[in-house]
């Protein structure tokens, strides 16, 4: 039986994988400098957006693989929010979260999750891919934005929001692509890549 390792501390990714019926262990990367890797990639001319989260996911998978003492299939992911060709990271403060959501208000942004599946029993077997979703926000009032930030404190979330929370219910006008990708894990594509059709 395959041992699956989720290389993520994200409660949302853990929840989604459990809901999909997959049995897995959690081991997180210890020495991946995401900011440095991202900065280095952005210095390259004409770097593809998807290459950034894919590279970060692979770096996490390699870090976790070095920690293992038994064969396993590692699932690593990284989600990045792009708005007007800029990366929108996690807010640094209440004011920054309000500023980010103010910018996203009434506009479209892109969410890309990079996935790396690594089978440590076959060192050369690494599957990397990404999934893109376009998210359209309706125009939000400052009062709505402040309410969401103060009530839900989205300081650990790229783009300063979680689509499964209040702001997603009333603020997201439409999406094009995978909903679960915006939560951080494109389940359909992942389960297809793992060749899983039924729960364990």
N, C-alpha and C. Protein backbone atom coordinates (compact mmCIF):
# COMPACT_ATOMS: atom_id res chain seq x y z
N UNK A 1 0.84 -1.19 0.00
CA UNK A 1 0.00 0.00 0.00
C UNK A 1 0.88 1.25 0.00
N UNK A 2 0.53 2.19 -0.84
CA UNK A 2 1.32 3.42 -0.95
C UNK A 2 1.18 4.29 0.29
N UNK A 3 2.30 4.77 0.78
CA UNK A 3 2.29 5.75 1.87
C UNK A 3 2.33 7.14 1.26
N UNK A 4 1.33 7.95 1.58
CA UNK A 4 1.27 9.31 1.06
C UNK A 4 1.71 10.30 2.14
N UNK A 5 2.52 11.25 1.74
CA UNK A 5 2.98 12.31 2.64
C UNK A 5 2.51 13.64 2.07
N UNK A 6 1.80 14.41 2.87
CA UNK A 6 1.44 15.77 2.47
C UNK A 6 2.47 16.72 3.04
N UNK A 7 3.18 17.40 2.16
CA UNK A 7 4.24 18.32 2.60
C UNK A 7 3.67 19.71 2.83
N UNK A 8 2.73 19.80 3.74
CA UNK A 8 2.07 21.10 3.97
C UNK A 8 1.47 21.15 5.37
N UNK A 9 1.63 22.30 6.00
CA UNK A 9 1.00 22.54 7.30
C UNK A 9 -0.35 23.23 7.14
N UNK A 10 -0.76 23.48 5.91
CA UNK A 10 -2.00 24.20 5.66
C UNK A 10 -3.21 23.40 6.11
N UNK A 11 -4.01 23.93 7.03
CA UNK A 11 -5.23 23.22 7.45
C UNK A 11 -6.20 23.02 6.29
N UNK A 12 -6.21 23.96 5.35
CA UNK A 12 -7.14 23.85 4.23
C UNK A 12 -6.74 22.68 3.32
N UNK A 13 -5.45 22.53 3.03
CA UNK A 13 -5.02 21.41 2.19
C UNK A 13 -5.26 20.08 2.90
N UNK A 14 -5.00 20.03 4.19
CA UNK A 14 -5.23 18.81 4.94
C UNK A 14 -6.71 18.44 4.94
N UNK A 15 -7.57 19.43 5.11
CA UNK A 15 -9.02 19.20 5.10
C UNK A 15 -9.48 18.65 3.75
N UNK A 16 -9.01 19.28 2.68
CA UNK A 16 -9.43 18.86 1.35
C UNK A 16 -8.99 17.43 1.03
N UNK A 17 -7.76 17.11 1.40
CA UNK A 17 -7.25 15.77 1.11
C UNK A 17 -8.00 14.71 1.93
N UNK A 18 -8.34 15.05 3.16
CA UNK A 18 -9.15 14.13 3.98
C UNK A 18 -10.53 13.95 3.37
N UNK A 19 -11.13 15.06 2.94
CA UNK A 19 -12.46 14.99 2.33
C UNK A 19 -12.45 14.14 1.06
N UNK A 20 -11.31 14.13 0.37
CA UNK A 20 -11.19 13.32 -0.85
C UNK A 20 -11.02 11.84 -0.53
N UNK A 21 -10.83 11.52 0.76
CA UNK A 21 -10.73 10.12 1.18
C UNK A 21 -9.34 9.55 1.17
N UNK A 22 -8.33 10.41 1.06
CA UNK A 22 -6.95 9.92 1.01
C UNK A 22 -6.37 9.83 2.42
N UNK A 23 -5.73 8.71 2.72
CA UNK A 23 -5.03 8.54 3.99
C UNK A 23 -3.59 9.01 3.81
N UNK A 24 -3.13 9.89 4.70
CA UNK A 24 -1.80 10.46 4.51
C UNK A 24 -1.19 10.88 5.84
N UNK A 25 0.14 11.05 5.80
CA UNK A 25 0.87 11.62 6.93
C UNK A 25 1.25 13.06 6.57
N UNK A 26 1.60 13.83 7.57
CA UNK A 26 2.00 15.22 7.33
C UNK A 26 3.45 15.40 7.78
N UNK A 27 4.29 15.82 6.85
CA UNK A 27 5.67 16.20 7.16
C UNK A 27 5.94 17.49 6.39
N UNK A 28 6.36 18.51 7.08
CA UNK A 28 6.56 19.80 6.41
C UNK A 28 8.04 20.04 6.11
N UNK A 29 8.26 20.85 5.10
CA UNK A 29 9.62 21.23 4.73
C UNK A 29 10.23 22.09 5.82
N UNK A 30 11.53 21.93 6.04
CA UNK A 30 12.21 22.65 7.12
C UNK A 30 13.13 23.77 6.61
N UNK A 31 13.63 23.63 5.40
CA UNK A 31 14.68 24.57 4.96
C UNK A 31 14.43 25.09 3.55
N UNK A 32 13.19 25.52 3.29
CA UNK A 32 12.87 26.09 1.99
C UNK A 32 12.61 27.58 2.17
N UNK A 33 13.46 28.39 1.58
CA UNK A 33 13.31 29.85 1.65
C UNK A 33 12.45 30.29 0.47
N UNK A 34 11.15 30.37 0.68
CA UNK A 34 10.23 30.67 -0.41
C UNK A 34 10.46 32.06 -1.00
N UNK A 35 10.75 33.02 -0.14
CA UNK A 35 10.96 34.38 -0.63
C UNK A 35 12.21 34.46 -1.51
N UNK A 36 13.28 33.78 -1.11
CA UNK A 36 14.52 33.81 -1.89
C UNK A 36 14.32 33.11 -3.24
N UNK A 37 13.68 31.94 -3.22
CA UNK A 37 13.46 31.21 -4.47
C UNK A 37 12.60 32.03 -5.43
N UNK A 38 11.56 32.64 -4.89
CA UNK A 38 10.67 33.47 -5.71
C UNK A 38 11.42 34.65 -6.30
N UNK A 39 12.23 35.31 -5.48
CA UNK A 39 13.00 36.47 -5.96
C UNK A 39 13.97 36.06 -7.06
N UNK A 40 14.62 34.91 -6.90
CA UNK A 40 15.57 34.44 -7.91
C UNK A 40 14.86 34.12 -9.23
N UNK A 41 13.69 33.53 -9.13
CA UNK A 41 12.94 33.20 -10.35
C UNK A 41 12.46 34.46 -11.05
N UNK A 42 12.04 35.46 -10.28
CA UNK A 42 11.54 36.70 -10.86
C UNK A 42 12.63 37.49 -11.57
N UNK A 43 13.88 37.21 -11.22
CA UNK A 43 15.00 37.88 -11.89
C UNK A 43 15.23 37.34 -13.30
N UNK A 44 14.68 36.18 -13.59
CA UNK A 44 14.87 35.58 -14.91
C UNK A 44 13.96 36.29 -15.92
N UNK A 45 14.45 36.55 -17.10
CA UNK A 45 13.62 37.20 -18.11
C UNK A 45 12.50 36.29 -18.59
N UNK A 46 11.31 36.84 -18.70
CA UNK A 46 10.15 36.13 -19.25
C UNK A 46 9.83 34.83 -18.52
N UNK A 47 10.02 34.81 -17.21
CA UNK A 47 9.71 33.59 -16.45
C UNK A 47 8.20 33.37 -16.48
N UNK A 48 7.81 32.12 -16.71
CA UNK A 48 6.39 31.77 -16.71
C UNK A 48 5.85 31.83 -15.28
N UNK A 49 4.65 32.39 -15.12
CA UNK A 49 4.06 32.51 -13.78
C UNK A 49 3.96 31.16 -13.10
N UNK A 50 3.51 30.15 -13.84
CA UNK A 50 3.29 28.84 -13.24
C UNK A 50 4.58 28.20 -12.75
N UNK A 51 5.71 28.60 -13.32
CA UNK A 51 6.98 28.00 -12.92
C UNK A 51 7.33 28.34 -11.47
N UNK A 52 6.84 29.46 -10.98
CA UNK A 52 7.16 29.86 -9.60
C UNK A 52 6.54 28.91 -8.59
N UNK A 53 5.21 28.73 -8.57
CA UNK A 53 4.65 27.78 -7.59
C UNK A 53 5.08 26.34 -7.83
N UNK A 54 5.31 25.96 -9.10
CA UNK A 54 5.78 24.60 -9.37
C UNK A 54 7.16 24.37 -8.77
N UNK A 55 8.05 25.35 -8.94
CA UNK A 55 9.41 25.23 -8.38
C UNK A 55 9.39 25.20 -6.86
N UNK A 56 8.54 26.03 -6.27
CA UNK A 56 8.42 26.03 -4.81
C UNK A 56 7.88 24.70 -4.30
N UNK A 57 6.90 24.14 -5.01
CA UNK A 57 6.36 22.84 -4.61
C UNK A 57 7.43 21.76 -4.70
N UNK A 58 8.22 21.78 -5.78
CA UNK A 58 9.28 20.78 -5.92
C UNK A 58 10.33 20.94 -4.82
N UNK A 59 10.67 22.17 -4.46
CA UNK A 59 11.64 22.41 -3.39
C UNK A 59 11.13 21.84 -2.07
N UNK A 60 9.84 22.00 -1.80
CA UNK A 60 9.26 21.44 -0.57
C UNK A 60 9.30 19.91 -0.61
N UNK A 61 8.97 19.33 -1.75
CA UNK A 61 8.97 17.87 -1.87
C UNK A 61 10.37 17.31 -1.66
N UNK A 62 11.37 17.96 -2.23
CA UNK A 62 12.76 17.50 -2.08
C UNK A 62 13.21 17.60 -0.64
N UNK A 63 12.81 18.67 0.04
CA UNK A 63 13.17 18.85 1.45
C UNK A 63 12.57 17.72 2.29
N UNK A 64 11.30 17.42 2.06
CA UNK A 64 10.63 16.35 2.82
C UNK A 64 11.23 14.99 2.47
N UNK A 65 11.55 14.77 1.20
CA UNK A 65 12.16 13.49 0.80
C UNK A 65 13.45 13.22 1.56
N UNK A 66 14.22 14.29 1.82
CA UNK A 66 15.49 14.14 2.55
C UNK A 66 15.26 13.75 4.01
N UNK A 67 14.04 13.98 4.51
CA UNK A 67 13.73 13.66 5.91
C UNK A 67 13.24 12.23 6.09
N UNK A 68 12.85 11.58 4.99
CA UNK A 68 12.21 10.27 5.08
C UNK A 68 13.21 9.13 5.25
N UNK A 69 12.76 8.08 5.91
CA UNK A 69 13.57 6.86 6.07
C UNK A 69 12.89 5.66 5.41
N UNK A 70 11.74 5.91 4.78
CA UNK A 70 11.02 4.83 4.10
C UNK A 70 10.43 5.38 2.80
N UNK A 71 10.17 4.51 1.83
CA UNK A 71 9.59 4.98 0.56
C UNK A 71 8.20 5.57 0.76
N UNK A 72 7.89 6.60 0.01
CA UNK A 72 6.59 7.24 0.11
C UNK A 72 6.35 8.07 -1.13
N UNK A 73 5.10 8.43 -1.31
CA UNK A 73 4.73 9.37 -2.37
C UNK A 73 4.43 10.71 -1.72
N UNK A 74 5.22 11.71 -2.05
CA UNK A 74 5.10 13.03 -1.44
C UNK A 74 4.23 13.92 -2.31
N UNK A 75 3.31 14.61 -1.67
CA UNK A 75 2.46 15.59 -2.36
C UNK A 75 2.81 16.96 -1.79
N UNK A 76 3.34 17.83 -2.64
CA UNK A 76 3.69 19.18 -2.20
C UNK A 76 2.96 20.18 -3.09
N UNK A 77 2.61 21.32 -2.50
CA UNK A 77 1.86 22.33 -3.25
C UNK A 77 2.27 23.72 -2.82
N UNK A 78 2.11 24.65 -3.74
CA UNK A 78 2.31 26.06 -3.41
C UNK A 78 1.33 26.89 -4.25
N UNK A 79 0.64 27.80 -3.58
CA UNK A 79 -0.36 28.62 -4.26
C UNK A 79 0.07 30.08 -4.26
N UNK A 80 -0.01 30.70 -5.43
CA UNK A 80 0.36 32.10 -5.57
C UNK A 80 -0.79 32.86 -6.22
N UNK A 81 -1.04 34.07 -5.70
CA UNK A 81 -2.06 34.95 -6.26
C UNK A 81 -1.35 36.02 -7.10
N UNK A 82 -1.80 36.17 -8.34
CA UNK A 82 -1.26 37.20 -9.24
C UNK A 82 -2.35 38.23 -9.53
N UNK A 83 -1.98 39.49 -9.43
CA UNK A 83 -2.90 40.58 -9.80
C UNK A 83 -2.12 41.60 -10.61
N UNK A 84 -2.59 41.81 -11.84
CA UNK A 84 -1.91 42.73 -12.75
C UNK A 84 -0.42 42.40 -12.86
N UNK A 85 -0.14 41.10 -13.02
CA UNK A 85 1.22 40.57 -13.21
C UNK A 85 2.13 40.74 -12.00
N UNK A 86 1.55 41.03 -10.85
CA UNK A 86 2.33 41.12 -9.61
C UNK A 86 1.88 40.03 -8.65
N UNK A 87 2.82 39.50 -7.88
CA UNK A 87 2.48 38.51 -6.87
C UNK A 87 1.90 39.23 -5.65
N UNK A 88 0.73 38.75 -5.22
CA UNK A 88 0.10 39.29 -4.02
C UNK A 88 0.28 38.25 -2.92
N UNK A 89 1.14 38.54 -1.98
CA UNK A 89 1.43 37.59 -0.91
C UNK A 89 0.48 37.72 0.26
N UNK A 90 0.93 37.23 1.40
CA UNK A 90 0.14 37.33 2.62
C UNK A 90 0.25 38.75 3.17
N UNK A 91 -0.84 39.29 3.69
CA UNK A 91 -0.79 40.66 4.21
C UNK A 91 0.13 40.77 5.42
N UNK A 92 0.79 41.89 5.53
CA UNK A 92 1.72 42.10 6.63
C UNK A 92 1.08 42.81 7.82
N UNK A 93 -0.12 43.32 7.63
CA UNK A 93 -0.81 44.05 8.70
C UNK A 93 -2.29 44.19 8.34
N UNK A 94 -3.07 44.69 9.26
CA UNK A 94 -4.49 44.96 8.99
C UNK A 94 -4.62 45.95 7.84
N UNK A 95 -3.83 46.99 7.89
CA UNK A 95 -3.90 48.02 6.84
C UNK A 95 -3.53 47.44 5.48
N UNK A 96 -2.51 46.57 5.46
CA UNK A 96 -2.09 45.96 4.20
C UNK A 96 -3.17 45.03 3.65
N UNK A 97 -3.85 44.27 4.54
CA UNK A 97 -4.93 43.40 4.11
C UNK A 97 -6.06 44.21 3.48
N UNK A 98 -6.41 45.33 4.11
CA UNK A 98 -7.46 46.20 3.58
C UNK A 98 -7.03 46.76 2.22
N UNK A 99 -5.77 47.12 2.11
CA UNK A 99 -5.25 47.66 0.85
C UNK A 99 -5.31 46.61 -0.26
N UNK A 100 -4.91 45.38 0.05
CA UNK A 100 -4.93 44.31 -0.95
C UNK A 100 -6.35 44.05 -1.44
N UNK A 101 -7.28 43.90 -0.50
CA UNK A 101 -8.66 43.62 -0.89
C UNK A 101 -9.28 44.80 -1.63
N UNK A 102 -8.85 46.00 -1.28
CA UNK A 102 -9.32 47.17 -2.02
C UNK A 102 -8.87 47.13 -3.47
N UNK A 103 -7.66 46.64 -3.70
CA UNK A 103 -7.14 46.52 -5.06
C UNK A 103 -7.86 45.42 -5.84
N UNK A 104 -8.16 44.29 -5.17
CA UNK A 104 -8.83 43.18 -5.83
C UNK A 104 -10.30 43.48 -6.10
N UNK A 105 -10.88 44.39 -5.31
CA UNK A 105 -12.29 44.74 -5.44
C UNK A 105 -12.62 45.21 -6.85
N UNK A 106 -13.65 44.61 -7.44
CA UNK A 106 -14.08 45.01 -8.77
C UNK A 106 -13.17 44.56 -9.89
N UNK A 107 -12.22 43.69 -9.59
CA UNK A 107 -11.24 43.27 -10.58
C UNK A 107 -11.11 41.75 -10.64
N UNK A 108 -10.35 41.31 -11.64
CA UNK A 108 -10.03 39.89 -11.80
C UNK A 108 -8.61 39.64 -11.32
N UNK A 109 -8.39 38.52 -10.65
CA UNK A 109 -7.03 38.11 -10.32
C UNK A 109 -6.89 36.62 -10.62
N UNK A 110 -5.66 36.16 -10.62
CA UNK A 110 -5.35 34.78 -11.01
C UNK A 110 -4.74 34.03 -9.84
N UNK A 111 -5.22 32.83 -9.62
CA UNK A 111 -4.67 31.95 -8.58
C UNK A 111 -4.05 30.75 -9.27
N UNK A 112 -2.77 30.52 -9.03
CA UNK A 112 -2.07 29.38 -9.61
C UNK A 112 -1.49 28.52 -8.48
N UNK A 113 -1.84 27.24 -8.51
CA UNK A 113 -1.26 26.29 -7.56
C UNK A 113 -0.32 25.35 -8.31
N UNK A 114 0.91 25.30 -7.86
CA UNK A 114 1.87 24.35 -8.40
C UNK A 114 1.86 23.10 -7.55
N UNK A 115 1.89 21.94 -8.20
CA UNK A 115 1.88 20.65 -7.52
C UNK A 115 3.13 19.87 -7.90
N UNK A 116 3.71 19.22 -6.92
CA UNK A 116 4.81 18.28 -7.19
C UNK A 116 4.48 16.96 -6.50
N UNK A 117 4.44 15.90 -7.29
CA UNK A 117 4.24 14.55 -6.75
C UNK A 117 5.55 13.80 -6.94
N UNK A 118 6.10 13.35 -5.83
CA UNK A 118 7.42 12.70 -5.88
C UNK A 118 7.34 11.32 -5.24
N UNK A 119 7.67 10.29 -6.02
CA UNK A 119 7.72 8.92 -5.53
C UNK A 119 9.16 8.62 -5.16
N UNK A 120 9.43 8.53 -3.86
CA UNK A 120 10.83 8.38 -3.42
C UNK A 120 11.38 6.98 -3.70
N UNK A 121 10.50 6.04 -4.03
CA UNK A 121 11.01 4.70 -4.39
C UNK A 121 11.54 4.70 -5.82
N UNK A 122 11.21 5.76 -6.57
CA UNK A 122 11.69 5.92 -7.94
C UNK A 122 12.21 7.35 -8.07
N UNK A 123 13.48 7.57 -7.71
CA UNK A 123 14.03 8.92 -7.61
C UNK A 123 13.83 9.81 -8.83
N UNK A 124 13.73 9.21 -9.99
CA UNK A 124 13.57 10.02 -11.20
C UNK A 124 12.11 10.32 -11.52
N UNK A 125 11.18 9.77 -10.71
CA UNK A 125 9.76 9.94 -10.99
C UNK A 125 9.23 11.16 -10.23
N UNK A 126 9.19 12.28 -10.90
CA UNK A 126 8.67 13.52 -10.33
C UNK A 126 7.66 14.10 -11.31
N UNK A 127 6.46 14.31 -10.83
CA UNK A 127 5.39 14.86 -11.66
C UNK A 127 5.09 16.28 -11.17
N UNK A 128 5.35 17.25 -12.03
CA UNK A 128 5.08 18.65 -11.69
C UNK A 128 4.04 19.21 -12.66
N UNK A 129 3.07 19.92 -12.11
CA UNK A 129 2.08 20.58 -12.95
C UNK A 129 1.45 21.71 -12.15
N UNK A 130 0.65 22.51 -12.82
CA UNK A 130 -0.02 23.61 -12.13
C UNK A 130 -1.43 23.77 -12.65
N UNK A 131 -2.27 24.40 -11.84
CA UNK A 131 -3.66 24.65 -12.20
C UNK A 131 -3.94 26.13 -11.98
N UNK A 132 -4.62 26.73 -12.94
CA UNK A 132 -4.90 28.16 -12.88
C UNK A 132 -6.40 28.41 -12.77
N UNK A 133 -6.78 29.34 -11.89
CA UNK A 133 -8.17 29.75 -11.75
C UNK A 133 -8.24 31.27 -11.78
N UNK A 134 -9.19 31.79 -12.54
CA UNK A 134 -9.43 33.23 -12.57
C UNK A 134 -10.58 33.55 -11.61
N UNK A 135 -10.36 34.53 -10.74
CA UNK A 135 -11.37 34.91 -9.74
C UNK A 135 -11.79 36.36 -9.99
N UNK A 136 -13.09 36.57 -10.06
CA UNK A 136 -13.64 37.91 -10.29
C UNK A 136 -14.37 38.38 -9.04
N UNK A 137 -13.89 39.47 -8.44
CA UNK A 137 -14.56 40.08 -7.30
C UNK A 137 -15.52 41.17 -7.78
N UNK A 138 -16.69 41.22 -7.17
CA UNK A 138 -17.53 42.39 -7.40
C UNK A 138 -16.95 43.54 -6.59
N UNK A 139 -17.46 44.74 -6.80
CA UNK A 139 -16.92 45.88 -6.08
C UNK A 139 -17.35 45.81 -4.62
N UNK A 140 -16.36 45.90 -3.74
CA UNK A 140 -16.60 45.82 -2.31
C UNK A 140 -16.53 47.20 -1.69
N UNK A 141 -17.34 47.42 -0.66
CA UNK A 141 -17.26 48.69 0.07
C UNK A 141 -16.14 48.58 1.10
N UNK A 142 -15.66 49.72 1.53
CA UNK A 142 -14.64 49.73 2.58
C UNK A 142 -15.17 49.08 3.84
N UNK A 143 -16.43 49.30 4.13
CA UNK A 143 -17.04 48.71 5.33
C UNK A 143 -17.04 47.19 5.25
N UNK A 144 -17.34 46.65 4.08
CA UNK A 144 -17.32 45.20 3.90
C UNK A 144 -15.90 44.64 4.06
N UNK A 145 -14.95 45.33 3.47
CA UNK A 145 -13.56 44.88 3.57
C UNK A 145 -13.08 44.91 5.01
N UNK A 146 -13.35 45.99 5.71
CA UNK A 146 -12.91 46.12 7.11
C UNK A 146 -13.59 45.07 7.98
N UNK A 147 -14.87 44.82 7.73
CA UNK A 147 -15.57 43.78 8.50
C UNK A 147 -14.90 42.43 8.33
N UNK A 148 -14.61 42.07 7.07
CA UNK A 148 -14.00 40.77 6.80
C UNK A 148 -12.63 40.66 7.46
N UNK A 149 -11.80 41.67 7.29
CA UNK A 149 -10.45 41.63 7.85
C UNK A 149 -10.49 41.52 9.37
N UNK A 150 -11.38 42.28 10.01
CA UNK A 150 -11.45 42.28 11.47
C UNK A 150 -12.08 40.99 12.02
N UNK A 151 -13.05 40.45 11.30
CA UNK A 151 -13.75 39.26 11.79
C UNK A 151 -12.99 37.97 11.49
N UNK A 152 -12.31 37.92 10.33
CA UNK A 152 -11.69 36.66 9.90
C UNK A 152 -10.17 36.68 9.94
N UNK A 153 -9.58 37.85 10.07
CA UNK A 153 -8.12 37.98 10.22
C UNK A 153 -7.35 37.11 9.22
N UNK A 154 -7.43 37.45 7.93
CA UNK A 154 -6.82 36.61 6.89
C UNK A 154 -5.34 36.87 6.67
N UNK A 155 -4.59 36.96 7.75
CA UNK A 155 -3.18 37.35 7.64
C UNK A 155 -2.26 36.21 7.21
N UNK A 156 -2.80 34.98 7.22
CA UNK A 156 -1.98 33.83 6.78
C UNK A 156 -2.38 33.36 5.40
N UNK A 157 -3.09 34.22 4.66
CA UNK A 157 -3.63 33.80 3.37
C UNK A 157 -3.12 34.70 2.25
N UNK A 158 -2.58 34.08 1.22
CA UNK A 158 -2.16 34.85 0.05
C UNK A 158 -3.37 35.54 -0.56
N UNK A 159 -3.21 36.80 -0.91
CA UNK A 159 -4.33 37.55 -1.44
C UNK A 159 -5.24 38.12 -0.38
N UNK A 160 -4.95 37.84 0.88
CA UNK A 160 -5.69 38.39 2.03
C UNK A 160 -7.13 37.91 2.11
N UNK A 161 -7.42 36.72 1.57
CA UNK A 161 -8.78 36.20 1.72
C UNK A 161 -8.80 34.69 1.52
N UNK A 162 -9.88 34.08 2.01
CA UNK A 162 -10.15 32.67 1.74
C UNK A 162 -11.52 32.59 1.08
N UNK A 163 -11.59 31.96 -0.06
CA UNK A 163 -12.83 31.94 -0.84
C UNK A 163 -13.96 31.22 -0.11
N UNK A 164 -13.60 30.31 0.83
CA UNK A 164 -14.62 29.55 1.54
C UNK A 164 -15.16 30.30 2.75
N UNK A 165 -14.70 31.52 2.95
CA UNK A 165 -15.18 32.34 4.07
C UNK A 165 -16.19 33.37 3.58
N UNK A 166 -16.65 34.22 4.48
CA UNK A 166 -17.72 35.18 4.21
C UNK A 166 -17.49 36.01 2.96
N UNK A 167 -16.27 36.46 2.78
CA UNK A 167 -16.00 37.33 1.63
C UNK A 167 -16.18 36.58 0.31
N UNK A 168 -15.94 35.27 0.32
CA UNK A 168 -16.17 34.48 -0.87
C UNK A 168 -17.66 34.32 -1.17
N UNK A 169 -18.45 34.19 -0.10
CA UNK A 169 -19.90 34.01 -0.28
C UNK A 169 -20.53 35.24 -0.93
N UNK A 170 -20.11 36.41 -0.48
CA UNK A 170 -20.80 37.62 -0.95
C UNK A 170 -19.97 38.47 -1.92
N UNK A 171 -18.68 38.23 -1.99
CA UNK A 171 -17.83 39.11 -2.78
C UNK A 171 -17.35 38.56 -4.10
N UNK A 172 -17.33 37.22 -4.25
CA UNK A 172 -16.84 36.63 -5.49
C UNK A 172 -17.98 36.55 -6.49
N UNK A 173 -17.83 37.26 -7.58
CA UNK A 173 -18.85 37.33 -8.62
C UNK A 173 -18.89 36.05 -9.45
N UNK A 174 -17.70 35.57 -9.85
CA UNK A 174 -17.61 34.32 -10.58
C UNK A 174 -16.16 33.84 -10.57
N UNK A 175 -15.99 32.57 -10.90
CA UNK A 175 -14.64 32.03 -11.08
C UNK A 175 -14.61 31.25 -12.40
N UNK A 176 -13.45 31.20 -12.98
CA UNK A 176 -13.23 30.39 -14.17
C UNK A 176 -12.12 29.41 -13.83
N UNK A 177 -12.51 28.14 -13.66
CA UNK A 177 -11.53 27.14 -13.28
C UNK A 177 -11.94 26.41 -12.02
N UNK A 178 -10.99 25.77 -11.39
CA UNK A 178 -11.24 24.92 -10.23
C UNK A 178 -11.41 25.74 -8.95
N UNK A 179 -12.54 25.57 -8.29
CA UNK A 179 -12.81 26.26 -7.03
C UNK A 179 -11.81 25.85 -5.95
N UNK A 180 -11.54 24.55 -5.86
CA UNK A 180 -10.66 24.06 -4.80
C UNK A 180 -9.22 24.52 -5.00
N UNK A 181 -8.88 24.86 -6.23
CA UNK A 181 -7.57 25.43 -6.49
C UNK A 181 -7.39 26.74 -5.72
N UNK A 182 -8.46 27.53 -5.63
CA UNK A 182 -8.39 28.79 -4.90
C UNK A 182 -8.23 28.54 -3.41
N UNK A 183 -8.70 27.40 -2.94
CA UNK A 183 -8.51 27.02 -1.54
C UNK A 183 -7.09 26.50 -1.29
N UNK A 184 -6.37 26.18 -2.37
CA UNK A 184 -4.98 25.76 -2.21
C UNK A 184 -4.63 24.38 -2.69
N UNK A 185 -5.64 23.63 -3.20
CA UNK A 185 -5.35 22.28 -3.67
C UNK A 185 -6.36 21.88 -4.75
N UNK A 186 -5.92 21.84 -6.01
CA UNK A 186 -6.83 21.46 -7.10
C UNK A 186 -7.09 19.95 -7.07
N UNK A 187 -8.10 19.56 -6.35
CA UNK A 187 -8.30 18.14 -6.04
C UNK A 187 -8.49 17.26 -7.27
N UNK A 188 -9.33 17.67 -8.20
CA UNK A 188 -9.60 16.83 -9.35
C UNK A 188 -8.32 16.50 -10.12
N UNK A 189 -7.52 17.53 -10.39
CA UNK A 189 -6.26 17.32 -11.12
C UNK A 189 -5.29 16.48 -10.31
N UNK A 190 -5.25 16.70 -8.99
CA UNK A 190 -4.34 15.95 -8.14
C UNK A 190 -4.71 14.48 -8.09
N UNK A 191 -5.98 14.19 -7.87
CA UNK A 191 -6.41 12.79 -7.77
C UNK A 191 -6.23 12.07 -9.10
N UNK A 192 -6.42 12.78 -10.20
CA UNK A 192 -6.18 12.19 -11.52
C UNK A 192 -4.70 11.86 -11.70
N UNK A 193 -3.84 12.77 -11.24
CA UNK A 193 -2.39 12.53 -11.37
C UNK A 193 -1.94 11.37 -10.48
N UNK A 194 -2.60 11.22 -9.34
CA UNK A 194 -2.27 10.11 -8.43
C UNK A 194 -2.93 8.80 -8.86
N UNK A 195 -3.82 8.90 -9.88
CA UNK A 195 -4.57 7.74 -10.38
C UNK A 195 -5.46 7.13 -9.28
N UNK A 196 -6.09 8.02 -8.51
CA UNK A 196 -6.99 7.59 -7.45
C UNK A 196 -8.43 7.86 -7.90
N UNK A 197 -9.21 6.77 -7.95
CA UNK A 197 -10.60 6.88 -8.40
C UNK A 197 -11.59 6.71 -7.25
N UNK A 198 -11.17 5.96 -6.21
CA UNK A 198 -12.03 5.72 -5.06
C UNK A 198 -11.24 5.97 -3.78
N UNK A 199 -11.92 6.35 -2.68
CA UNK A 199 -11.21 6.56 -1.42
C UNK A 199 -10.51 5.29 -0.95
N UNK A 200 -9.45 5.48 -0.16
CA UNK A 200 -8.72 4.33 0.38
C UNK A 200 -9.61 3.53 1.30
